[in-house]
Amino acid sequence: MNIVAEHKISGEPIDKAPKRPVRPVLWFIIVGVLLGALVGGLVWFNYLRGQMIKQFFANNKPPPTLVSAAEAKSEVVPNLLTAVGGLTAVHQVDVSADVNGRVTEIKFEPGAHVEAGMPLVQLFDAPDQGDLANYKAQATVAQLSLDRAKQLASRQFGPQATVDSAQAAYDQALAGIAKTEALISQKLVRAPFSGDLGVRKVEVGQYLTAGTAIVSLTDLSELWANFTVTEKDSGNLKVGQPVRLKVDAYPGRTFDAKITTIEPQIATDTRNIRVQATVANPEKILKPGMFVTTTVVLPDKPAVVTVPETAVDYTLYGDSVFVIAEKKGEDGKTSLSAVRTFVQTGNRVDGRAEIVKGLKPGDKVVAVGQLKLQSGSAASISTDPAPQIPAQPPRH
């Protein structure tokens, strides 16, 4: 039996063997090569991009920041102790009557200057004046009786007992006069010392009881400045030390005073000690009750390093300044940079700050322009002088 081979339409026999497929391993190799090339290309691209960015920034440095510089100086800073307090008058009182009575006459003008002993207010004293006249009449009669008794006794016509009785009557009359005159003087209120009167507080016809204020009387020629200092500072104070006073009513003006009293006891609740300074007030522009800032001038301390107060950056992490340093580049050129340096500060006086630690005389620091700087930033010193720092801040 003959088997006839069937042919496809194309003319090829049906039983011809098909081509063998590509092995899977070869496909994995091809895919791995492609992925490796892709990853390598990405790595090379990122590396090339980083190099180009680094080269760009290396060749395009920002210009130096323009700042104002100041030199740290070694100088003797005034040793001052500042405190706050108030002014009181050395002589100040509310004038009042010693006895009860009705006002019959007011002898002063409010706000006027009066001398010691000048009459101010007259109270009703007619009954006392009548008593005074009575005692004076009794004194006259008693004196005549005493003289007559002495004459009779000298001639041995009268006993000594009569003389003694007449003397006693005369003395009683004189005592009555003295007492009545004292009562009358109490009803004429006088200025106890020279000074300036305040606002009148009584009126004619008003009945006053003893102690009722009539008018205030203040001697403005001399005042006391009372203030307190801490226990730690009390050892630096002595009677006679100069004190500078400043009041809000006269900004920019300083008044000279001297310590006259130091309280011998320290307050147990605050651990402060009270100090009193006396200030002359010839112009009478200082008033009792004014708030005053006191500055005690203490003996000078050794010289310290100081910089402008604006050069110090005060933060919670510490005080610092930008020190201007010179450095040489790879090309041999010298450039300036601002390096943040932490310092320990002391007192601040007249716009300058003491540097206890961290700087030495001659160091250059940035006085104006710190906000634009970072540590190590390039800097350029301005030729314009730094602005003057006022000792007192401006008042708005």
Protein backbone atom coordinates (compact mmCIF):
# COMPACT_ATOMS: atom_id res chain seq x y z
CA MET A 1 0.00 0.00 0.00
CA ASN A 2 1.46 3.27 -1.01
CA ILE A 3 1.17 6.26 1.29
CA VAL A 4 0.90 9.45 -0.63
CA ALA A 5 2.34 12.55 1.05
CA GLU A 6 -0.07 15.47 1.19
CA HIS A 7 1.19 18.81 0.09
CA LYS A 8 0.28 22.27 1.29
CA ILE A 9 -1.09 24.74 -1.04
CA SER A 10 2.34 26.36 -1.09
CA GLY A 11 3.71 23.15 -2.45
CA GLU A 12 5.70 22.05 0.61
CA PRO A 13 5.08 18.71 2.16
CA ILE A 14 3.04 18.59 5.32
CA ASP A 15 5.43 16.44 7.29
CA LYS A 16 8.33 18.94 7.03
CA ALA A 17 9.86 19.68 10.59
CA PRO A 18 9.29 23.31 12.01
CA LYS A 19 12.12 25.67 13.03
CA ARG A 20 13.38 25.31 16.65
CA PRO A 21 12.45 28.35 18.98
CA VAL A 22 15.15 30.66 20.54
CA ARG A 23 16.23 29.42 23.93
CA PRO A 24 14.89 31.38 27.06
CA VAL A 25 18.41 31.85 28.43
CA LEU A 26 19.34 33.90 25.39
CA TRP A 27 16.34 36.18 26.00
CA PHE A 28 17.33 36.73 29.62
CA ILE A 29 20.83 37.68 28.53
CA ILE A 30 19.54 40.19 26.04
CA VAL A 31 17.13 41.77 28.54
CA GLY A 32 19.84 41.95 31.22
CA VAL A 33 22.23 43.67 28.85
CA LEU A 34 19.60 46.21 27.93
CA LEU A 35 18.70 46.90 31.60
CA GLY A 36 22.36 47.23 32.55
CA ALA A 37 22.91 49.69 29.77
CA LEU A 38 19.88 51.68 30.91
CA VAL A 39 20.97 51.77 34.57
CA GLY A 40 24.52 52.65 33.60
CA GLY A 41 23.23 55.45 31.46
CA LEU A 42 21.19 56.84 34.33
CA VAL A 43 24.12 56.62 36.74
CA TRP A 44 26.42 58.30 34.26
CA PHE A 45 23.82 61.02 33.63
CA ASN A 46 23.39 61.77 37.33
CA TYR A 47 27.16 61.85 37.86
CA LEU A 48 27.64 64.16 34.91
CA ARG A 49 24.81 66.41 36.11
CA GLY A 50 26.32 66.67 39.62
CA GLN A 51 29.70 67.55 38.21
CA MET A 52 28.20 70.21 36.00
CA ILE A 53 26.21 71.70 38.95
CA LYS A 54 29.32 71.70 41.14
CA GLN A 55 31.32 73.34 38.40
CA PHE A 56 28.55 75.90 37.89
CA PHE A 57 28.43 76.95 41.54
CA ALA A 58 32.22 76.87 41.78
CA ASN A 59 32.48 79.32 38.95
CA ASN A 60 29.48 81.44 40.00
CA LYS A 61 30.13 82.45 43.65
CA PRO A 62 27.80 85.13 45.06
CA PRO A 63 29.37 88.56 45.53
CA PRO A 64 30.66 89.41 49.04
CA THR A 65 28.10 90.89 51.42
CA LEU A 66 28.68 94.58 52.10
CA VAL A 67 28.86 95.23 55.86
CA SER A 68 30.05 97.92 58.26
CA ALA A 69 32.90 96.89 60.51
CA ALA A 70 34.13 98.11 63.87
CA GLU A 71 37.24 97.34 65.89
CA ALA A 72 37.15 95.82 69.34
CA LYS A 73 38.77 98.28 71.77
CA SER A 74 40.28 97.98 75.20
CA GLU A 75 38.96 100.84 77.30
CA VAL A 76 37.93 101.75 80.82
CA VAL A 77 34.14 101.59 80.98
CA PRO A 78 32.37 103.66 83.65
CA ASN A 79 31.35 101.41 86.52
CA LEU A 80 27.69 102.27 86.96
CA LEU A 81 24.91 100.82 89.08
CA THR A 82 21.43 101.60 87.76
CA ALA A 83 18.22 101.44 89.77
CA VAL A 84 14.76 102.99 89.81
CA GLY A 85 13.00 104.94 92.52
CA GLY A 86 11.01 108.06 93.30
CA LEU A 87 11.46 111.64 94.48
CA THR A 88 10.24 113.01 97.79
CA ALA A 89 10.62 116.45 99.34
CA VAL A 90 12.94 116.99 102.26
CA HIS A 91 10.29 119.29 103.80
CA GLN A 92 6.68 118.61 102.87
CA VAL A 93 3.55 118.76 105.01
CA ASP A 94 -0.21 119.26 104.91
CA VAL A 95 -0.74 122.36 107.04
CA SER A 96 -3.50 121.87 109.61
CA ALA A 97 -4.90 123.52 112.75
CA ASP A 98 -3.98 122.31 116.23
CA VAL A 99 -7.44 123.07 117.69
CA ASN A 100 -11.04 123.15 116.57
CA GLY A 101 -12.46 126.41 115.28
CA ARG A 102 -14.30 128.32 112.58
CA VAL A 103 -12.32 129.93 109.76
CA THR A 104 -12.72 133.71 109.87
CA GLU A 105 -9.97 134.75 107.44
CA ILE A 106 -7.74 133.12 104.80
CA LYS A 107 -4.46 135.01 104.48
CA PHE A 108 -2.78 133.15 101.55
CA GLU A 109 -3.15 132.60 97.81
CA PRO A 110 -2.97 129.04 96.44
CA GLY A 111 0.34 128.27 94.77
CA ALA A 112 2.15 131.21 96.37
CA HIS A 113 5.58 131.07 97.94
CA VAL A 114 5.55 131.77 101.68
CA GLU A 115 8.24 132.26 104.27
CA ALA A 116 8.44 130.46 107.59
CA GLY A 117 6.02 131.92 110.16
CA MET A 118 3.78 133.66 107.64
CA PRO A 119 0.06 133.61 108.75
CA LEU A 120 -2.15 131.38 106.62
CA VAL A 121 -5.55 130.97 108.30
CA GLN A 122 -7.26 132.75 111.21
CA LEU A 123 -9.76 130.83 113.35
CA PHE A 124 -12.40 132.47 115.54
CA ASP A 125 -10.65 133.57 118.77
CA ALA A 126 -12.87 136.30 120.27
CA PRO A 127 -13.51 134.41 123.55
CA ASP A 128 -9.78 133.82 123.95
CA GLN A 129 -9.08 137.48 123.32
CA GLY A 130 -11.58 138.33 126.07
CA ASP A 131 -9.88 135.92 128.47
CA LEU A 132 -6.54 137.49 127.61
CA ALA A 133 -7.84 140.95 128.47
CA ASN A 134 -9.22 139.62 131.76
CA TYR A 135 -5.93 138.02 132.74
CA LYS A 136 -4.03 141.14 131.86
CA ALA A 137 -6.33 143.21 134.13
CA GLN A 138 -5.84 140.70 136.93
CA ALA A 139 -2.11 140.89 136.43
CA THR A 140 -2.21 144.66 136.71
CA VAL A 141 -4.15 144.57 140.00
CA ALA A 142 -1.97 141.75 141.35
CA GLN A 143 1.18 143.70 140.53
CA LEU A 144 -0.11 146.80 142.36
CA SER A 145 -1.06 144.68 145.39
CA LEU A 146 2.36 143.04 145.34
CA ASP A 147 4.17 146.36 145.22
CA ARG A 148 2.07 147.74 148.12
CA ALA A 149 2.64 144.62 150.22
CA LYS A 150 6.40 144.80 149.60
CA GLN A 151 6.51 148.46 150.69
CA LEU A 152 4.59 147.77 153.93
CA ALA A 153 6.72 144.74 154.69
CA SER A 154 9.91 146.75 154.16
CA ARG A 155 8.71 149.27 156.81
CA GLN A 156 7.65 146.53 159.19
CA PHE A 157 3.97 147.50 158.81
CA GLY A 158 2.83 144.24 157.15
CA PRO A 159 3.55 140.52 157.45
CA GLN A 160 5.56 138.54 154.88
CA ALA A 161 2.57 136.28 154.33
CA THR A 162 0.76 139.17 152.63
CA VAL A 163 3.70 139.60 150.24
CA ASP A 164 3.68 135.89 149.41
CA SER A 165 -0.05 135.89 148.70
CA ALA A 166 0.25 138.92 146.42
CA GLN A 167 3.17 137.29 144.59
CA ALA A 168 1.14 134.13 144.04
CA ALA A 169 -1.82 136.11 142.70
CA TYR A 170 0.45 137.96 140.31
CA ASP A 171 2.08 134.76 139.09
CA GLN A 172 -1.32 133.17 138.48
CA ALA A 173 -2.38 136.15 136.40
CA LEU A 174 0.80 135.88 134.31
CA ALA A 175 0.23 132.14 133.82
CA GLY A 176 -3.30 132.85 132.63
CA ILE A 177 -1.94 135.36 130.13
CA ALA A 178 0.63 132.88 128.82
CA LYS A 179 -1.96 130.11 128.45
CA THR A 180 -4.46 132.35 126.69
CA GLU A 181 -1.81 133.71 124.33
CA ALA A 182 -0.87 130.11 123.46
CA LEU A 183 -4.51 129.32 122.68
CA ILE A 184 -4.77 132.43 120.53
CA SER A 185 -1.56 131.52 118.67
CA GLN A 186 -2.97 128.04 117.93
CA LYS A 187 -5.93 129.67 116.21
CA LEU A 188 -3.63 131.61 113.89
CA VAL A 189 -2.18 128.92 111.59
CA ARG A 190 1.28 129.83 110.31
CA ALA A 191 3.65 128.29 107.74
CA PRO A 192 6.06 125.98 109.60
CA PHE A 193 8.83 126.52 107.00
CA SER A 194 9.45 128.35 103.74
CA GLY A 195 8.04 126.73 100.64
CA ASP A 196 5.38 126.67 97.95
CA LEU A 197 1.70 126.27 98.75
CA GLY A 198 -0.61 123.91 96.95
CA VAL A 199 -4.36 123.91 96.36
CA ARG A 200 -6.54 125.48 99.08
CA LYS A 201 -8.77 122.93 100.83
CA VAL A 202 -10.84 125.17 103.18
CA GLU A 203 -13.22 128.11 102.91
CA VAL A 204 -14.15 131.06 105.10
CA GLY A 205 -16.85 130.08 107.58
CA GLN A 206 -15.91 126.39 107.52
CA TYR A 207 -15.60 124.72 110.92
CA LEU A 208 -12.33 122.83 111.20
CA THR A 209 -11.50 120.05 113.56
CA ALA A 210 -7.95 119.56 114.77
CA GLY A 211 -5.83 117.89 112.08
CA THR A 212 -7.96 118.90 109.09
CA ALA A 213 -5.70 119.64 106.09
CA ILE A 214 -5.79 123.29 105.03
CA VAL A 215 -3.18 123.41 102.25
CA SER A 216 -0.04 121.51 101.28
CA LEU A 217 3.34 123.17 101.81
CA THR A 218 6.43 121.88 99.99
CA ASP A 219 10.01 123.07 100.02
CA LEU A 220 11.27 122.33 96.49
CA SER A 221 14.80 123.63 97.01
CA GLU A 222 16.06 120.16 97.95
CA LEU A 223 14.67 116.69 97.28
CA TRP A 224 15.40 113.10 98.21
CA ALA A 225 15.73 110.33 95.63
CA ASN A 226 14.78 107.02 97.24
CA PHE A 227 15.73 103.79 95.47
CA THR A 228 16.64 100.20 96.28
CA VAL A 229 19.56 97.98 95.25
CA THR A 230 20.14 94.28 95.67
CA GLU A 231 22.01 92.74 98.54
CA LYS A 232 24.84 91.81 96.15
CA ASP A 233 25.39 95.45 95.14
CA SER A 234 25.05 96.92 98.62
CA GLY A 235 28.75 96.38 99.38
CA ASN A 236 29.73 98.82 96.61
CA LEU A 237 27.76 101.74 98.05
CA LYS A 238 29.10 104.44 100.34
CA VAL A 239 27.73 107.73 101.65
CA GLY A 240 28.93 110.59 99.47
CA GLN A 241 29.07 108.67 96.18
CA PRO A 242 27.78 110.67 93.19
CA VAL A 243 24.44 109.71 91.65
CA ARG A 244 23.00 110.72 88.28
CA LEU A 245 19.25 111.16 88.10
CA LYS A 246 16.98 111.09 85.03
CA VAL A 247 13.24 111.74 84.92
CA ASP A 248 10.75 111.18 82.12
CA ALA A 249 9.60 114.81 82.24
CA TYR A 250 12.99 116.06 81.02
CA PRO A 251 14.45 113.48 78.58
CA GLY A 252 18.14 113.80 77.86
CA ARG A 253 18.84 115.83 80.99
CA THR A 254 20.83 114.55 83.96
CA PHE A 255 20.63 115.84 87.55
CA ASP A 256 23.51 115.39 89.98
CA ALA A 257 22.95 114.06 93.48
CA LYS A 258 24.89 112.39 96.29
CA ILE A 259 24.12 109.44 98.53
CA THR A 260 23.30 110.76 101.99
CA THR A 261 21.69 107.76 103.71
CA ILE A 262 22.03 103.98 103.37
CA GLU A 263 19.51 101.89 105.28
CA PRO A 264 21.41 99.80 107.85
CA GLN A 265 19.00 96.88 107.47
CA ILE A 266 18.28 94.69 104.44
CA ALA A 267 14.64 93.82 103.80
CA THR A 268 14.07 90.15 104.62
CA ASP A 269 11.30 89.72 102.04
CA THR A 270 13.08 91.20 98.99
CA ARG A 271 16.74 91.11 100.10
CA ASN A 272 17.05 94.70 98.91
CA ILE A 273 18.51 97.68 100.70
CA ARG A 274 17.07 101.18 100.59
CA VAL A 275 19.30 104.08 99.58
CA GLN A 276 18.58 107.80 99.72
CA ALA A 277 20.34 110.48 97.67
CA THR A 278 19.92 114.24 98.03
CA VAL A 279 19.58 116.43 94.95
CA ALA A 280 19.54 120.23 94.80
CA ASN A 281 16.59 121.70 92.89
CA PRO A 282 17.30 125.41 92.41
CA GLU A 283 15.11 125.61 89.30
CA LYS A 284 12.26 123.84 91.12
CA ILE A 285 11.52 121.71 88.06
CA LEU A 286 11.75 118.40 89.93
CA LYS A 287 8.59 117.49 91.81
CA PRO A 288 7.97 115.05 94.65
CA GLY A 289 6.44 111.82 93.41
CA MET A 290 8.30 111.77 90.09
CA PHE A 291 9.56 108.41 88.84
CA VAL A 292 13.35 108.59 88.64
CA THR A 293 16.11 106.45 87.16
CA THR A 294 19.23 106.55 89.32
CA THR A 295 22.77 105.70 88.26
CA VAL A 296 25.36 105.39 91.01
CA VAL A 297 28.91 106.12 89.82
CA LEU A 298 31.14 103.43 91.33
CA PRO A 299 34.97 103.32 91.27
CA ASP A 300 36.43 102.46 87.85
CA LYS A 301 37.14 98.84 86.96
CA PRO A 302 40.14 97.59 84.90
CA ALA A 303 40.02 98.10 81.14
CA VAL A 304 37.80 95.67 79.23
CA VAL A 305 37.22 94.83 75.56
CA THR A 306 34.20 96.65 74.10
CA VAL A 307 32.38 96.61 70.77
CA PRO A 308 29.37 98.54 69.48
CA GLU A 309 26.19 97.19 70.99
CA THR A 310 24.78 96.55 67.51
CA ALA A 311 27.58 94.06 66.81
CA VAL A 312 26.30 91.59 69.41
CA ASP A 313 23.60 89.11 68.44
CA TYR A 314 21.63 88.22 71.59
CA THR A 315 19.87 84.83 71.36
CA LEU A 316 18.62 82.11 73.67
CA TYR A 317 21.55 79.95 72.61
CA GLY A 318 24.15 82.53 73.60
CA ASP A 319 25.59 85.87 72.55
CA SER A 320 27.73 86.01 69.43
CA VAL A 321 29.45 88.37 66.99
CA PHE A 322 30.67 88.03 63.40
CA VAL A 323 34.46 88.33 63.35
CA ILE A 324 35.96 89.39 60.02
CA ALA A 325 38.81 87.02 59.07
CA GLU A 326 41.23 87.05 56.16
CA LYS A 327 41.87 83.92 54.11
CA LYS A 328 43.86 83.15 50.97
CA GLY A 329 42.29 81.31 48.05
CA GLU A 330 43.85 78.80 45.71
CA ASP A 331 44.73 81.62 43.37
CA GLY A 332 46.72 83.37 46.13
CA LYS A 333 44.29 86.26 46.49
CA THR A 334 43.17 87.42 49.94
CA SER A 335 39.47 87.55 50.71
CA LEU A 336 37.40 88.43 53.77
CA SER A 337 34.89 86.19 55.49
CA ALA A 338 32.59 86.65 58.48
CA VAL A 339 32.87 83.91 61.10
CA ARG A 340 30.28 83.66 63.89
CA THR A 341 32.05 83.68 67.25
CA PHE A 342 30.29 83.13 70.57
CA VAL A 343 31.23 85.59 73.31
CA GLN A 344 30.45 86.32 76.94
CA THR A 345 29.05 89.83 77.41
CA GLY A 346 28.97 92.17 80.39
CA ASN A 347 27.38 95.54 80.96
CA ARG A 348 26.17 97.85 78.20
CA VAL A 349 27.09 101.53 78.59
CA ASP A 350 26.54 104.41 76.14
CA GLY A 351 25.90 102.19 73.14
CA ARG A 352 28.86 99.85 73.72
CA ALA A 353 28.86 96.31 75.11
CA GLU A 354 31.54 94.75 77.31
CA ILE A 355 33.03 91.51 75.99
CA VAL A 356 34.24 89.48 78.95
CA LYS A 357 35.37 86.49 76.90
CA GLY A 358 35.73 85.62 73.21
CA LEU A 359 37.43 88.66 71.67
CA LYS A 360 40.74 90.47 71.95
CA PRO A 361 41.58 94.10 71.24
CA GLY A 362 42.04 94.77 67.55
CA ASP A 363 39.58 92.16 66.27
CA LYS A 364 37.27 93.47 63.57
CA VAL A 365 33.60 92.65 63.98
CA VAL A 366 30.55 93.32 61.87
CA ALA A 367 28.67 96.27 63.33
CA VAL A 368 25.86 96.54 60.76
CA GLY A 369 24.62 93.91 58.29
CA GLN A 370 24.63 90.68 60.32
CA LEU A 371 21.17 89.66 59.09
CA LYS A 372 22.57 88.99 55.60
CA LEU A 373 25.42 86.81 56.85
CA GLN A 374 26.04 83.18 57.66
CA SER A 375 29.15 81.84 59.33
CA GLY A 376 31.87 81.72 56.70
CA SER A 377 30.13 84.02 54.23
CA ALA A 378 32.27 86.27 52.09
CA ALA A 379 32.16 89.86 53.26
CA SER A 380 33.22 93.25 52.01
CA ILE A 381 33.79 96.19 54.35
CA SER A 382 31.88 99.35 53.50
CA THR A 383 33.81 102.60 53.41
CA ASP A 384 30.88 104.45 54.96
CA PRO A 385 31.15 104.88 58.74
CA ALA A 386 28.81 102.86 60.91
CA PRO A 387 25.84 104.82 62.26
CA GLN A 388 26.22 106.27 65.73
CA ILE A 389 24.36 104.42 68.45
CA PRO A 390 22.55 106.82 70.80
CA ALA A 391 23.04 106.32 74.51
CA GLN A 392 19.31 106.71 74.98
CA PRO A 393 16.78 105.06 72.61
CA PRO A 394 14.53 107.45 70.71
CA ARG A 395 11.18 108.23 72.34
CA HIS A 396 7.99 107.85 70.33
